[in-house]
Protein backbone atom coordinates (compact mmCIF):
# COMPACT_ATOMS: atom_id res chain seq x y z
CA UNK A 1 -7.80 -16.00 -24.06
CA UNK A 2 -11.90 -14.93 -24.08
CA UNK A 3 -12.53 -15.88 -20.86
CA UNK A 4 -9.74 -13.47 -19.50
CA UNK A 5 -10.81 -10.87 -21.25
CA UNK A 6 -14.08 -10.94 -19.97
CA UNK A 7 -13.10 -10.92 -16.57
CA UNK A 8 -10.79 -8.23 -17.07
CA UNK A 9 -13.88 -5.89 -18.42
CA UNK A 10 -15.19 -4.83 -15.68
CA UNK A 11 -12.09 -3.81 -13.95
CA UNK A 12 -11.25 -1.71 -17.27
CA UNK A 13 -14.76 -0.72 -17.48
CA UNK A 14 -14.06 0.64 -13.52
CA UNK A 15 -10.93 2.52 -14.86
CA UNK A 16 -12.83 4.04 -17.66
CA UNK A 17 -15.37 5.55 -15.30
CA UNK A 18 -13.32 5.94 -12.06
CA UNK A 19 -10.11 7.61 -13.48
CA UNK A 20 -10.04 8.28 -17.10
CA UNK A 21 -13.02 10.08 -17.74
CA UNK A 22 -12.11 12.09 -14.57
CA UNK A 23 -8.70 12.84 -15.76
CA UNK A 24 -9.93 14.13 -19.30
CA UNK A 25 -12.54 16.19 -17.72
CA UNK A 26 -9.87 17.71 -15.17
CA UNK A 27 -7.71 18.44 -18.43
CA UNK A 28 -10.40 20.15 -20.00
CA UNK A 29 -11.73 22.30 -16.85
CA UNK A 30 -8.01 23.29 -16.45
CA UNK A 31 -8.46 25.61 -19.61
CA UNK A 32 -11.85 27.11 -18.40
CA UNK A 33 -12.89 29.58 -15.38
CA UNK A 34 -15.76 28.02 -13.63
CA UNK A 35 -17.41 29.96 -10.86
CA UNK A 36 -19.47 26.98 -9.76
CA UNK A 37 -22.77 29.18 -9.71
CA UNK A 38 -21.76 31.43 -13.18
CA UNK A 39 -20.98 30.85 -17.29
CA UNK A 40 -18.15 28.62 -17.72
CA UNK A 41 -15.39 30.53 -19.96
CA UNK A 42 -12.65 29.33 -22.09
CA UNK A 43 -9.35 31.09 -21.02
CA UNK A 44 -6.58 29.16 -22.58
CA UNK A 45 -3.79 28.56 -20.54
CA UNK A 46 -4.62 31.57 -18.09
CA UNK A 47 -5.05 29.09 -15.08
CA UNK A 48 -1.51 27.89 -15.14
CA UNK A 49 -0.38 31.09 -15.87
CA UNK A 50 -1.90 32.09 -12.70
CA UNK A 51 -0.65 28.98 -9.90
CA UNK A 52 2.69 29.45 -11.06
CA UNK A 53 2.41 33.14 -10.41
CA UNK A 54 0.52 32.14 -7.05
CA UNK A 55 4.04 29.88 -5.89
CA UNK A 56 3.14 26.39 -7.20
CA UNK A 57 6.70 25.71 -7.78
CA UNK A 58 7.04 26.06 -4.08
CA UNK A 59 3.85 24.20 -2.88
CA UNK A 60 5.12 21.54 -5.05
CA UNK A 61 8.92 21.50 -3.89
CA UNK A 62 7.37 21.76 -0.15
CA UNK A 63 5.45 18.48 -0.95
CA UNK A 64 8.53 16.44 -2.35
CA UNK A 65 10.31 17.84 0.91
CA UNK A 66 7.35 16.21 3.22
CA UNK A 67 8.30 12.89 1.91
CA UNK A 68 11.96 13.22 2.91
CA UNK A 69 11.75 11.31 6.63
CA UNK A 70 9.48 8.79 5.35
CA UNK A 71 11.70 7.79 2.25
CA UNK A 72 14.42 7.51 4.92
CA UNK A 73 12.39 5.52 6.93
CA UNK A 74 11.45 3.14 4.18
CA UNK A 75 14.77 2.70 2.63
CA UNK A 76 17.26 2.22 5.94
CA UNK A 77 15.08 1.43 8.54
CA UNK A 78 12.79 -0.97 7.42
CA UNK A 79 15.40 -2.90 5.73
CA UNK A 80 17.68 -2.74 8.45
CA UNK A 81 14.68 -4.28 10.62
CA UNK A 82 13.83 -6.86 7.68
CA UNK A 83 17.78 -8.24 7.08
CA UNK A 84 18.05 -8.55 10.97
CA UNK A 85 14.63 -10.33 11.25
CA UNK A 86 15.40 -12.69 8.79
CA UNK A 87 18.80 -13.57 10.09
CA UNK A 88 17.44 -13.68 13.73
CA UNK A 89 15.53 -17.21 13.05
CA UNK A 90 11.64 -18.08 12.32
CA UNK A 91 10.00 -17.33 15.57
CA UNK A 92 12.11 -13.84 15.77
CA UNK A 93 10.83 -13.15 12.34
CA UNK A 94 7.09 -14.00 13.49
CA UNK A 95 7.35 -11.97 16.09
CA UNK A 96 8.71 -9.06 13.96
CA UNK A 97 5.82 -9.33 11.65
CA UNK A 98 3.08 -9.52 14.25
CA UNK A 99 5.05 -6.24 16.05
CA UNK A 100 4.84 -4.69 11.97
CA UNK A 101 1.12 -5.17 12.26
CA UNK A 102 0.50 -2.72 15.16
CA UNK A 103 0.93 0.41 13.66
CA UNK A 104 -1.05 0.29 10.65
CA UNK A 105 -4.06 -1.34 12.97
CA UNK A 106 -3.82 2.07 14.41
CA UNK A 107 -3.97 3.93 11.52
CA UNK A 108 -5.76 7.15 12.66
CA UNK A 109 -3.95 10.28 11.14
CA UNK A 110 -6.63 12.74 11.47
CA UNK A 111 -7.05 11.60 15.84
CA UNK A 112 -3.01 11.45 15.63
CA UNK A 113 -2.76 15.11 14.26
CA UNK A 114 -5.32 16.60 16.50
CA UNK A 115 -3.99 15.45 19.23
CA UNK A 116 -0.31 16.50 18.02
CA UNK A 117 -2.09 20.13 17.46
CA UNK A 118 -3.58 20.38 20.69
CA UNK A 119 -0.97 18.99 23.37
CA UNK A 120 2.59 18.72 21.63
CA UNK A 121 2.75 21.27 19.02
CA UNK A 122 4.09 24.64 19.90
CA UNK A 123 2.21 27.47 18.66
CA UNK A 124 5.38 29.73 18.53
CA UNK A 125 6.96 27.03 16.38
CA UNK A 126 4.42 26.57 13.91
CA UNK A 127 4.45 30.73 13.20
CA UNK A 128 8.02 31.18 13.47
CA UNK A 129 9.40 27.48 11.37
CA UNK A 130 5.92 26.19 10.09
CA UNK A 131 7.92 23.90 7.48
CA UNK A 132 10.42 22.58 10.17
CA UNK A 133 7.68 21.49 12.40
CA UNK A 134 5.60 19.80 9.58
CA UNK A 135 8.25 18.04 8.18
CA UNK A 136 9.03 16.74 11.61
CA UNK A 137 5.35 15.66 12.48
CA UNK A 138 5.02 14.17 9.36
CA UNK A 139 8.33 12.26 9.59
CA UNK A 140 7.35 10.85 13.18
CA UNK A 141 3.69 10.50 12.81
CA UNK A 142 4.37 8.00 9.44
CA UNK A 143 7.01 6.50 11.12
CA UNK A 144 5.47 3.40 12.14
CA UNK A 145 3.33 2.92 9.09
CA UNK A 146 5.96 3.42 6.70
CA UNK A 147 8.30 0.97 8.31
CA UNK A 148 5.52 -1.72 9.25
CA UNK A 149 4.53 -1.59 5.10
CA UNK A 150 7.95 -1.21 3.84
CA UNK A 151 9.56 -4.05 6.18
CA UNK A 152 6.90 -6.49 5.31
CA UNK A 153 7.55 -5.91 1.70
CA UNK A 154 11.56 -6.88 2.12
CA UNK A 155 10.82 -9.92 4.36
CA UNK A 156 9.04 -11.23 1.52
CA UNK A 157 12.13 -10.18 -0.99
CA UNK A 158 14.58 -11.91 1.63
CA UNK A 159 12.46 -14.86 1.34
CA UNK A 160 14.77 -15.82 -1.69
CA UNK A 161 17.64 -16.48 0.47
CA UNK A 162 15.90 -19.05 2.85
CA UNK A 163 15.03 -20.89 -0.30
CA UNK A 164 18.48 -20.98 -1.69
CA UNK A 165 17.89 -17.93 -4.08
CA UNK A 166 19.34 -14.42 -3.96
CA UNK A 167 17.09 -11.59 -2.71
CA UNK A 168 19.76 -8.47 -3.90
CA UNK A 169 17.58 -7.77 -6.93
CA UNK A 170 14.45 -8.18 -5.32
CA UNK A 171 15.23 -6.03 -2.61
CA UNK A 172 16.43 -3.54 -5.31
CA UNK A 173 12.99 -3.43 -7.21
CA UNK A 174 11.17 -3.43 -3.52
CA UNK A 175 13.19 -0.47 -2.53
CA UNK A 176 12.39 1.67 -5.97
CA UNK A 177 8.73 0.64 -5.74
CA UNK A 178 8.44 1.85 -2.44
CA UNK A 179 10.66 4.95 -3.03
CA UNK A 180 8.01 5.81 -6.01
CA UNK A 181 5.44 5.25 -4.00
CA UNK A 182 6.21 7.62 -1.15
CA UNK A 183 7.47 10.12 -3.57
CA UNK A 184 3.71 10.18 -5.06
CA UNK A 185 2.23 10.05 -1.49
CA UNK A 186 3.86 13.19 -0.45
CA UNK A 187 3.06 14.96 -3.76
CA UNK A 188 -0.80 14.20 -2.53
CA UNK A 189 -0.49 15.34 1.15
CA UNK A 190 -3.61 17.13 2.22
CA UNK A 191 -4.57 16.31 5.66
CA UNK A 192 -0.98 17.15 7.69
CA UNK A 193 -1.57 20.93 6.56
CA UNK A 194 -5.15 21.27 5.90
CA UNK A 195 -5.43 20.07 9.96
CA UNK A 196 -2.25 21.45 11.48
CA UNK A 197 -1.95 24.72 9.70
CA UNK A 198 -4.46 25.72 6.73
CA UNK A 199 -1.78 26.28 4.45
CA UNK A 200 -0.39 28.95 6.73
CA UNK A 201 0.96 31.24 7.58
CA UNK A 202 1.22 33.22 4.33
CA UNK A 203 0.67 30.11 2.26
CA UNK A 204 4.20 28.90 3.64
CA UNK A 205 2.87 25.33 4.14
CA UNK A 206 0.63 25.27 0.89
CA UNK A 207 0.71 21.53 -0.73
CA UNK A 208 -0.18 21.25 -3.93
CA UNK A 209 -3.84 19.31 -3.46
CA UNK A 210 -4.39 21.37 -0.69
CA UNK A 211 -3.93 24.65 -3.11
CA UNK A 212 -5.96 22.83 -5.44
CA UNK A 213 -8.88 22.54 -2.90
CA UNK A 214 -8.37 26.14 -1.78
CA UNK A 215 -8.52 27.50 -5.17
CA UNK A 216 -11.71 25.72 -6.59
CA UNK A 217 -14.01 25.39 -3.64
CA UNK A 218 -12.70 28.40 -1.56
CA UNK A 219 -12.06 31.01 -4.02
CA UNK A 220 -15.01 29.52 -6.25
CA UNK A 221 -13.13 28.90 -9.40
CA UNK A 222 -12.73 25.66 -10.48
CA UNK A 223 -9.94 26.24 -13.45
CA UNK A 224 -6.89 27.02 -11.10
CA UNK A 225 -7.39 23.87 -9.07
CA UNK A 226 -7.86 21.92 -11.78
CA UNK A 227 -4.70 23.37 -13.19
CA UNK A 228 -3.14 22.17 -10.66
CA UNK A 229 -4.47 18.73 -10.55
CA UNK A 230 -3.90 18.15 -14.33
CA UNK A 231 -0.27 18.85 -13.58
CA UNK A 232 0.03 16.41 -10.64
CA UNK A 233 -1.85 13.92 -12.69
CA UNK A 234 1.09 13.93 -15.18
CA UNK A 235 3.85 13.57 -12.85
CA UNK A 236 1.84 10.63 -10.81
CA UNK A 237 1.04 9.03 -14.09
CA UNK A 238 4.92 8.90 -15.01
CA UNK A 239 6.04 7.55 -11.58
CA UNK A 240 3.02 4.68 -11.80
CA UNK A 241 4.63 3.92 -15.36
CA UNK A 242 7.86 3.55 -13.99
CA UNK A 243 6.84 1.47 -10.93
CA UNK A 244 4.75 -0.89 -12.82
CA UNK A 245 7.34 -0.92 -15.84
CA UNK A 246 10.40 -2.00 -13.44
CA UNK A 247 8.18 -4.74 -12.11
CA UNK A 248 7.31 -6.02 -15.51
CA UNK A 249 11.16 -5.72 -16.57
CA UNK A 250 12.25 -7.69 -14.09
CA UNK A 251 9.49 -10.21 -13.98
CA UNK A 252 8.99 -9.67 -10.48
CA UNK A 253 6.22 -12.09 -8.55
CA UNK A 254 4.77 -13.59 -5.52
CA UNK A 255 4.93 -16.86 -5.10
CA UNK A 256 3.47 -18.97 -2.27
CA UNK A 257 6.20 -21.49 -0.44
CA UNK A 258 5.61 -23.96 2.27
CA UNK A 259 5.48 -23.34 5.66
CA UNK A 260 8.61 -23.30 7.28
CA UNK A 261 12.09 -22.31 5.91
CA UNK A 262 13.16 -25.94 4.17
CA UNK A 263 14.39 -27.22 1.02
CA UNK A 264 11.53 -27.98 -1.52
CA UNK A 265 11.18 -30.19 -4.45
CA UNK A 266 12.49 -29.78 -7.52
CA UNK A 267 10.94 -27.32 -10.33
CA UNK A 268 7.74 -28.63 -11.89
CA UNK A 269 7.26 -30.99 -9.34
CA UNK A 270 4.30 -29.49 -6.93
CA UNK A 271 4.13 -30.72 -3.53
CA UNK A 272 1.23 -30.41 -1.27
CA UNK A 273 0.14 -26.94 -0.47
CA UNK A 274 1.67 -25.99 -4.23
CA UNK A 275 4.91 -24.90 -2.99
CA UNK A 276 8.13 -24.89 -5.09
CA UNK A 277 11.10 -23.07 -3.60
CA UNK A 278 14.35 -23.57 -4.98
CA UNK A 279 16.14 -27.01 -4.55
CA UNK A 280 18.63 -25.71 -2.26
CA UNK A 281 18.53 -24.35 1.31
CA UNK A 282 21.25 -21.66 2.81
CA UNK A 283 23.45 -23.26 5.72
CA UNK A 284 22.40 -21.47 9.34
CA UNK A 285 24.84 -18.93 10.20
CA UNK A 286 26.67 -18.80 13.37
CA UNK A 287 25.88 -15.29 14.42
CA UNK A 288 21.93 -15.76 15.14
CA UNK A 289 23.04 -14.41 18.74
CA UNK A 290 23.90 -11.47 17.89
CA UNK A 291 21.42 -10.91 15.08
CA UNK A 292 18.63 -11.76 17.67
CA UNK A 293 20.35 -9.00 20.18
CA UNK A 294 20.24 -6.66 17.06
CA UNK A 295 16.41 -7.41 16.70
CA UNK A 296 15.83 -6.32 20.07
CA UNK A 297 17.09 -3.13 20.37
CA UNK A 298 16.02 -2.04 16.52
CA UNK A 299 12.33 -3.42 17.40
CA UNK A 300 12.54 -1.18 20.74
CA UNK A 301 13.23 1.71 18.83
CA UNK A 302 10.34 1.14 16.53
CA UNK A 303 7.89 0.32 19.11
CA UNK A 304 9.14 3.48 21.20
CA UNK A 305 8.89 6.11 18.22
CA UNK A 306 5.49 4.04 17.53
CA UNK A 307 3.83 4.42 20.59
CA UNK A 308 4.91 8.21 21.40
CA UNK A 309 3.94 9.45 18.02
CA UNK A 310 0.77 7.39 17.54
CA UNK A 311 -0.49 4.96 19.81
CA UNK A 312 -0.30 6.98 22.69
CA UNK A 313 -2.09 9.83 21.57
CA UNK A 314 -5.01 7.29 19.95
CA UNK A 315 -5.46 5.43 23.36
CA UNK A 316 -5.61 8.51 25.21
CA UNK A 317 -8.10 9.76 23.12
CA UNK A 318 -9.80 6.14 22.91
CA UNK A 319 -10.69 5.90 26.97
CA UNK A 320 -11.73 9.58 27.23
CA UNK A 321 -14.85 11.16 27.46
CA UNK A 322 -16.52 14.39 26.26
CA UNK A 323 -19.46 15.61 23.85
CA UNK A 324 -20.15 15.79 20.56
CA UNK A 325 -21.43 18.93 18.21
CA UNK A 326 -24.64 20.00 18.79
CA UNK A 327 -27.35 17.80 16.96
CA UNK A 328 -24.40 15.13 16.33
CA UNK A 329 -25.38 11.24 16.44
CA UNK A 330 -22.84 8.96 17.24
CA UNK A 331 -24.60 6.12 15.42
CA UNK A 332 -24.81 8.29 12.49
CA UNK A 333 -20.92 9.13 12.54
CA UNK A 334 -20.20 5.65 13.05
CA UNK A 335 -22.19 4.65 10.03
CA UNK A 336 -20.76 7.21 7.93
CA UNK A 337 -17.31 6.49 8.36
CA UNK A 338 -17.46 2.90 8.32
CA UNK A 339 -19.86 1.58 5.88
CA UNK A 340 -19.10 3.31 2.77
CA UNK A 341 -15.44 2.79 2.81
CA UNK A 342 -16.58 -1.03 3.35
CA UNK A 343 -18.87 -1.19 0.32
CA UNK A 344 -15.82 0.61 -1.80
CA UNK A 345 -13.28 -1.83 -0.40
CA UNK A 346 -15.30 -4.71 -1.25
CA UNK A 347 -16.16 -3.69 -5.01
CA UNK A 348 -12.93 -2.16 -5.95
CA UNK A 349 -10.62 -4.94 -4.57
CA UNK A 350 -13.20 -7.73 -6.12
CA UNK A 351 -12.71 -5.95 -9.68
CA UNK A 352 -9.01 -5.91 -8.80
CA UNK A 353 -8.91 -9.62 -8.18
CA UNK A 354 -10.99 -10.68 -11.04
CA UNK A 355 -8.23 -8.76 -13.05
CA UNK A 356 -5.31 -10.09 -11.41
CA UNK A 357 -6.56 -13.43 -12.41
CA UNK A 358 -7.54 -12.83 -15.92
CA UNK A 359 -3.75 -11.15 -16.51
CA UNK A 360 -1.71 -13.09 -14.07
CA UNK A 361 -3.33 -16.79 -14.62
CA UNK A 362 -5.46 -17.04 -17.21
CA UNK A 363 -2.84 -14.92 -19.28
CA UNK A 364 -5.17 -14.12 -22.61
CA UNK A 365 -2.07 -12.77 -24.34
CA UNK A 366 0.02 -15.11 -23.40
CA UNK A 367 3.88 -13.95 -22.90
CA UNK A 368 2.82 -10.50 -22.99
CA UNK A 369 -0.34 -10.76 -20.89
CA UNK A 370 1.28 -8.48 -17.99
CA UNK A 371 1.19 -5.52 -20.99
CA UNK A 372 -2.20 -5.48 -20.03
CA UNK A 373 -1.23 -3.75 -16.67
CA UNK A 374 0.05 -0.67 -18.72
CA UNK A 375 -3.51 0.94 -19.08
CA UNK A 376 -3.80 0.93 -15.50
CA UNK A 377 -0.44 2.09 -14.59
CA UNK A 378 -0.84 5.73 -15.05
CA UNK A 379 -3.48 5.73 -11.96
CA UNK A 380 -1.39 3.42 -9.98
CA UNK A 381 -0.35 6.25 -7.45
CA UNK A 382 -3.57 8.67 -7.82
CA UNK A 383 -5.47 8.71 -4.84
CA UNK A 384 -8.43 11.15 -3.98
CA UNK A 385 -6.74 14.45 -4.34
CA UNK A 386 -6.03 15.28 -8.22
CA UNK A 387 -9.47 13.82 -9.22
CA UNK A 388 -11.37 15.93 -6.30
CA UNK A 389 -12.69 18.39 -8.61
CA UNK A 390 -14.14 16.11 -11.35
CA UNK A 391 -14.97 13.64 -8.97
CA UNK A 392 -17.00 16.62 -6.72
CA UNK A 393 -19.02 17.77 -10.05
CA UNK A 394 -19.97 14.33 -10.51
CA UNK A 395 -21.38 14.03 -7.25
CA UNK A 396 -22.89 17.08 -7.35
CA UNK A 397 -24.66 16.26 -10.86
CA UNK A 398 -26.14 12.91 -9.55
CA UNK A 399 -27.45 14.45 -6.74
CA UNK A 400 -24.76 12.50 -4.21
CA UNK A 401 -24.12 15.45 -1.63
CA UNK A 402 -25.21 14.61 1.54
CA UNK A 403 -25.82 10.84 1.21
CA UNK A 404 -24.50 8.09 2.08
CA UNK A 405 -24.00 6.59 -1.43
CA UNK A 406 -21.75 9.96 -1.84
CA UNK A 407 -19.54 8.85 0.95
CA UNK A 408 -18.45 5.86 -0.92
CA UNK A 409 -14.66 6.38 -2.62
CA UNK A 410 -14.68 7.35 -5.90
CA UNK A 411 -12.39 4.70 -7.03
CA UNK A 412 -14.31 1.52 -8.28
CA UNK A 413 -11.07 -0.40 -8.65
CA UNK A 414 -8.23 -0.95 -6.52
CA UNK A 415 -4.94 -0.68 -8.99
CA UNK A 416 -2.52 -1.15 -6.18
CA UNK A 417 -4.59 -4.10 -5.50
CA UNK A 418 -4.69 -5.26 -9.40
CA UNK A 419 -1.04 -5.23 -9.77
CA UNK A 420 -0.44 -7.39 -6.26
CA UNK A 421 -3.07 -10.20 -7.10
CA UNK A 422 -1.63 -9.86 -11.00
CA UNK A 423 1.76 -10.73 -9.52
CA UNK A 424 0.45 -13.26 -7.34
CA UNK A 425 -1.59 -14.97 -9.70
CA UNK A 426 1.70 -14.55 -12.21
CA UNK A 427 3.83 -16.55 -10.05
CA UNK A 428 1.19 -19.04 -9.14
CA UNK A 429 0.49 -19.79 -12.77
CA UNK A 430 3.72 -22.07 -13.81
CA UNK A 431 2.53 -24.46 -11.06
CA UNK A 432 -1.20 -25.29 -12.18
CA UNK A 433 0.67 -25.57 -15.91
CA UNK A 434 2.95 -27.83 -14.42
CA UNK A 435 -0.03 -30.36 -13.09
CA UNK A 436 -0.85 -28.67 -9.87
CA UNK A 437 -5.08 -28.85 -9.25
CA UNK A 438 -6.26 -25.31 -9.79
CA UNK A 439 -7.80 -25.08 -6.66
CA UNK A 440 -4.35 -26.01 -4.37
CA UNK A 441 -1.99 -23.87 -6.66
CA UNK A 442 -3.96 -20.81 -7.77
CA UNK A 443 -7.08 -20.34 -5.47
CA UNK A 444 -6.28 -21.29 -1.95
CA UNK A 445 -3.19 -19.42 -2.63
CA UNK A 446 -5.18 -16.22 -3.61
CA UNK A 447 -7.83 -16.67 -1.04
CA UNK A 448 -6.14 -14.91 1.90
CA UNK A 449 -5.03 -12.05 0.09
CA UNK A 450 -8.74 -10.89 -0.81
CA UNK A 451 -9.93 -10.22 2.78
CA UNK A 452 -6.51 -9.07 3.40
CA UNK A 453 -6.55 -6.02 0.90
CA UNK A 454 -10.21 -5.74 1.55
CA UNK A 455 -9.50 -4.63 5.27
CA UNK A 456 -6.14 -2.56 4.39
CA UNK A 457 -8.39 -0.66 1.60
CA UNK A 458 -11.41 -0.21 4.21
CA UNK A 459 -9.12 1.33 6.79
CA UNK A 460 -6.92 3.48 4.71
CA UNK A 461 -10.40 4.87 3.11
CA UNK A 462 -12.33 5.48 6.43
CA UNK A 463 -9.49 7.31 7.99
CA UNK A 464 -9.42 10.05 4.61
CA UNK A 465 -11.28 13.54 5.23
CA UNK A 466 -10.85 15.33 1.94
CA UNK A 467 -13.72 13.54 0.30
CA UNK A 468 -15.91 13.51 3.35
CA UNK A 469 -15.06 17.10 3.43
CA UNK A 470 -16.36 17.69 -0.30
CA UNK A 471 -19.53 15.78 -0.62
CA UNK A 472 -20.64 15.65 3.49
CA UNK A 473 -21.79 19.32 3.78
CA UNK A 474 -24.46 18.69 6.63
CA UNK A 475 -24.04 17.49 9.80
CA UNK A 476 -26.13 14.27 9.44
CA UNK A 477 -23.30 12.95 6.88
CA UNK A 478 -20.36 14.11 8.08
CA UNK A 479 -17.53 10.98 9.00
CA UNK A 480 -15.67 11.10 12.55
CA UNK A 481 -12.56 12.29 11.34
CA UNK A 482 -14.02 15.35 9.64
CA UNK A 483 -16.16 15.99 13.01
CA UNK A 484 -12.60 15.74 15.13
CA UNK A 485 -11.42 18.36 12.24
CA UNK A 486 -13.83 20.96 12.43
CA UNK A 487 -13.87 20.86 16.44
CA UNK A 488 -10.77 21.44 16.05
CA UNK A 489 -11.23 24.40 14.27
CA UNK A 490 -13.58 25.67 16.43
CA UNK A 491 -11.78 25.03 19.52
CA UNK A 492 -14.77 22.47 20.81
CA UNK A 493 -13.49 19.53 22.86
CA UNK A 494 -11.75 17.98 20.14
CA UNK A 495 -9.50 15.58 21.50
CA UNK A 496 -12.43 14.21 23.42
CA UNK A 497 -15.76 12.25 22.16
CA UNK A 498 -14.61 13.13 18.22
CA UNK A 499 -11.21 11.60 18.60
CA UNK A 500 -12.28 8.35 20.39
CA UNK A 501 -14.78 7.90 17.40
CA UNK A 502 -11.69 8.18 14.57
CA UNK A 503 -10.88 4.70 15.19
CA UNK A 504 -13.31 2.83 17.82
CA UNK A 505 -11.10 0.71 20.03
CA UNK A 506 -13.13 -2.58 18.75
CA UNK A 507 -12.31 -1.67 15.14
CA UNK A 508 -8.66 -1.41 16.31
CA UNK A 509 -8.93 -4.71 17.98
CA UNK A 510 -10.50 -6.46 14.54
CA UNK A 511 -7.91 -4.76 12.20
CA UNK A 512 -4.94 -5.69 14.71
CA UNK A 513 -6.10 -9.90 15.00
CA UNK A 514 -7.05 -9.70 11.05
CA UNK A 515 -3.19 -8.09 10.16
CA UNK A 516 -1.28 -10.12 12.74
CA UNK A 517 -3.02 -13.62 11.70
CA UNK A 518 -2.46 -12.26 8.28
CA UNK A 519 1.52 -11.58 8.99
CA UNK A 520 1.98 -14.70 10.54
CA UNK A 521 0.02 -17.40 8.61
CA UNK A 522 0.17 -15.78 5.17
CA UNK A 523 2.59 -13.16 4.21
CA UNK A 524 5.32 -14.85 5.84
CA UNK A 525 5.09 -17.35 3.14
CA UNK A 526 5.06 -14.98 0.18
CA UNK A 527 7.94 -15.00 -1.44
CA UNK A 528 8.77 -11.52 -4.35
CA UNK A 529 10.98 -13.38 -6.73
CA UNK A 530 12.70 -12.09 -10.18
CA UNK A 531 13.42 -13.07 -13.30
CA UNK A 532 12.23 -15.87 -15.43
CA UNK A 533 10.09 -17.85 -13.60
CA UNK A 534 10.19 -21.65 -13.38
CA UNK A 535 9.24 -23.21 -16.69
CA UNK A 536 6.20 -25.67 -16.26
CA UNK A 537 6.92 -29.15 -16.63
CA UNK A 538 4.77 -32.48 -16.07
CA UNK A 539 5.55 -33.71 -12.36
CA UNK A 540 5.73 -37.32 -14.19
CA UNK A 541 8.47 -36.30 -16.38
CA UNK A 542 11.30 -38.42 -15.22
CA UNK A 543 13.46 -35.92 -17.32
CA UNK A 544 12.57 -33.14 -14.15
CA UNK A 545 13.20 -36.16 -11.64
CA UNK A 546 16.57 -37.14 -12.83
CA UNK A 547 19.01 -34.34 -11.97
CA UNK A 548 17.49 -35.18 -7.88
CA UNK A 549 18.50 -38.48 -8.50
CA UNK A 550 21.97 -37.88 -10.07
CA UNK A 551 23.05 -35.47 -7.19
CA UNK A 552 22.10 -38.04 -4.90
CA UNK A 553 24.21 -40.98 -6.69
CA UNK A 554 27.07 -38.66 -6.84
CA UNK A 555 26.74 -37.77 -3.04
CA UNK A 556 26.62 -41.56 -2.17
CA UNK A 557 29.83 -42.07 -4.53
CA UNK A 558 31.77 -39.45 -3.06
CA UNK A 559 30.93 -40.58 0.39
CA UNK A 560 31.85 -43.89 -0.54
CA UNK A 561 35.23 -42.80 -1.55
CA UNK A 562 35.59 -41.11 1.58
CA UNK A 563 34.89 -44.42 3.68
CA UNK A 564 36.75 -46.92 1.58
CA UNK A 565 39.35 -45.13 -0.30
CA UNK A 566 40.00 -45.15 -3.89
CA UNK A 567 36.48 -45.54 -4.87
CA UNK A 568 36.41 -49.37 -3.82
CA UNK A 569 33.64 -50.65 -1.76
CA UNK A 570 33.39 -53.17 0.99
CA UNK A 571 35.25 -56.85 0.21
CA UNK A 572 37.24 -54.99 -2.43
CA UNK A 573 34.16 -54.52 -5.00
CA UNK A 574 34.57 -51.26 -7.27
CA UNK A 575 31.57 -48.78 -7.54
C-alpha cells in the first residue's frame, strides 16, 4: 500500500500544479477585472453577465455543432470498418491497422487548414455561409484521424469475439467514451476558427476558447475570458467524470493476449507471454470473402477522403520551396517546434505510467484502488484552452515568455495516458497474482505502451498553436505552426517553406514507422474487456485444471458412443 501511494504521489503533485491550482486561479480571476497592466478590481458576477450578453451561448452551441461530423465518423464509420476488418481475417485486419496509422502520422492541422484557406476555400462561402463552411472543413479534415483512433479502440473491443467473449458491452463502452471525448474536444476548438476566419464575420464563427483568448489577451481584460474558461472547466469536468465513472462501473480493462487468434489456457494458468484469453474460440464463418470485399471498399473510401483532405495538401507543401519571413531561422523553428513538446511528453507520460502502475498493479486501496482515478477525472478532457489564462500568467511571472522552457506544454501529467496505463495494469494484475512472473505479466506488456504514448503526445503537442501564440511573442521563439499561421495572416508565401516545416517529411516517416509497428505488433494484441476480471489462482492448483480434463473426458466418451453405439467400446467392454 505504501509503495503504491508513493509511486502515485508525483502524479498527484503534477495534478495539483498543472490542473487544480490553475483551475482555482481561473475561477478567482473570473470575478475580477484585470487589464494586465493596471490595478485588479473585484466585479462579482459582472463578467458572467457580460459574456452572455456578448453571445457566449451561441459560441458554445456552434462549438458543439462543429463536433457533429467527427462524432458521426467515430460512431458510424469507425465501427463499420472495425467490424468488417475483424471479420475479414487476421491478415486483412493487420493491413487495416497499418492504414489506420497513416492519418495520425500525418497529423498537421495548421498546415492542412492553411492549405485549405489558400487553395480550396471559397472566400464567398466563408463570408456568406461561414458556419456551414467551417463545419464541412472540420468534418472532412478530421475524418482520417477520428476514424483511425476510433477504429483502433473498436478493434480492441472486438477482440473479445476472437477469444470467445462477447464484445457488445465493450463496444458500447468504447463508443460512449469516444463520444464524450469528441464533445469535449469540440468545445475546446480553437485552431480552425483562429486560422480560417478569426471568429468572423461578425462573431459568427467564434468558439468559447477563441472568445476567451480574444476577450482576455486581445481586449486586455482577463475577467470575461476567465469566466468563459470557468464554465468550460465545469462542463469538461462533468464529461471527464462521466467517462471515468463509466470505465469504473463496467470494470473496463486492457489485457494483452497472444500473438494469434487461438484458444488459450484456462483462467489462472499463465502461458508463455502472459496471455490468458477465454478457453473457447469462435468458429470460422463462411462469409469471409464478402467481408474482404466490403473491407476493400471501406478502406478505399477511407484513403480517398484522407488523401484529398489531409495527405495531398501536406505532401504538396512538404516538397515545395519558399522563403521564411525575414529574420526567421529554420533550425531555430525546428528546435522550438519539437524539443519542448518532447520534454513535456517524456515527463507527463512517465508520471502517468508510474501512477497507472501504482493504481492498477499495486492496488494500494485493494478492490477500491481504481477510485484513485476520480481526483484526475475532472481534467481528463481538459486541454490547453480552458487553463490558458492562468498558465500564461504563471509563465509571465516566472519570466518564461520567449524562452525554450516556456514553450513546454504546461500539463506535467498526461491524464488520458494515466487512465490508459491504469486499465492496462488492471488487466494484467490478476495474471501476476496467479503466479506469473512480474516481468512477463506486468512489465513487458506495458513497455510498448510507453513509447507509443510518448510519440502520440509529442506529435499532438507539437502541432498546437494556442500555447506558442501565448508565450512566443518574439520571432526567435516561434514554432512552425505559429509561423505558418502568421504568414497566412500576412499573405506572405504561407504555402511554401513554413508549411513544409510544420511536419517535416523525416518526422512524418518516423511517426508512421512507430505507429504502424505499434498497430501490428502490440495494439492488435490488446483486448478491451469489461465485467469482473478473472479470479487469481495458483497455476498448480488441480481445481483450475480439472474442468479442462473433465471436458476432454466428456468429448472422448461422446466420440466412443457414436463410434461403437450404446456406450460399448471395442470387444464389448463398457466405458
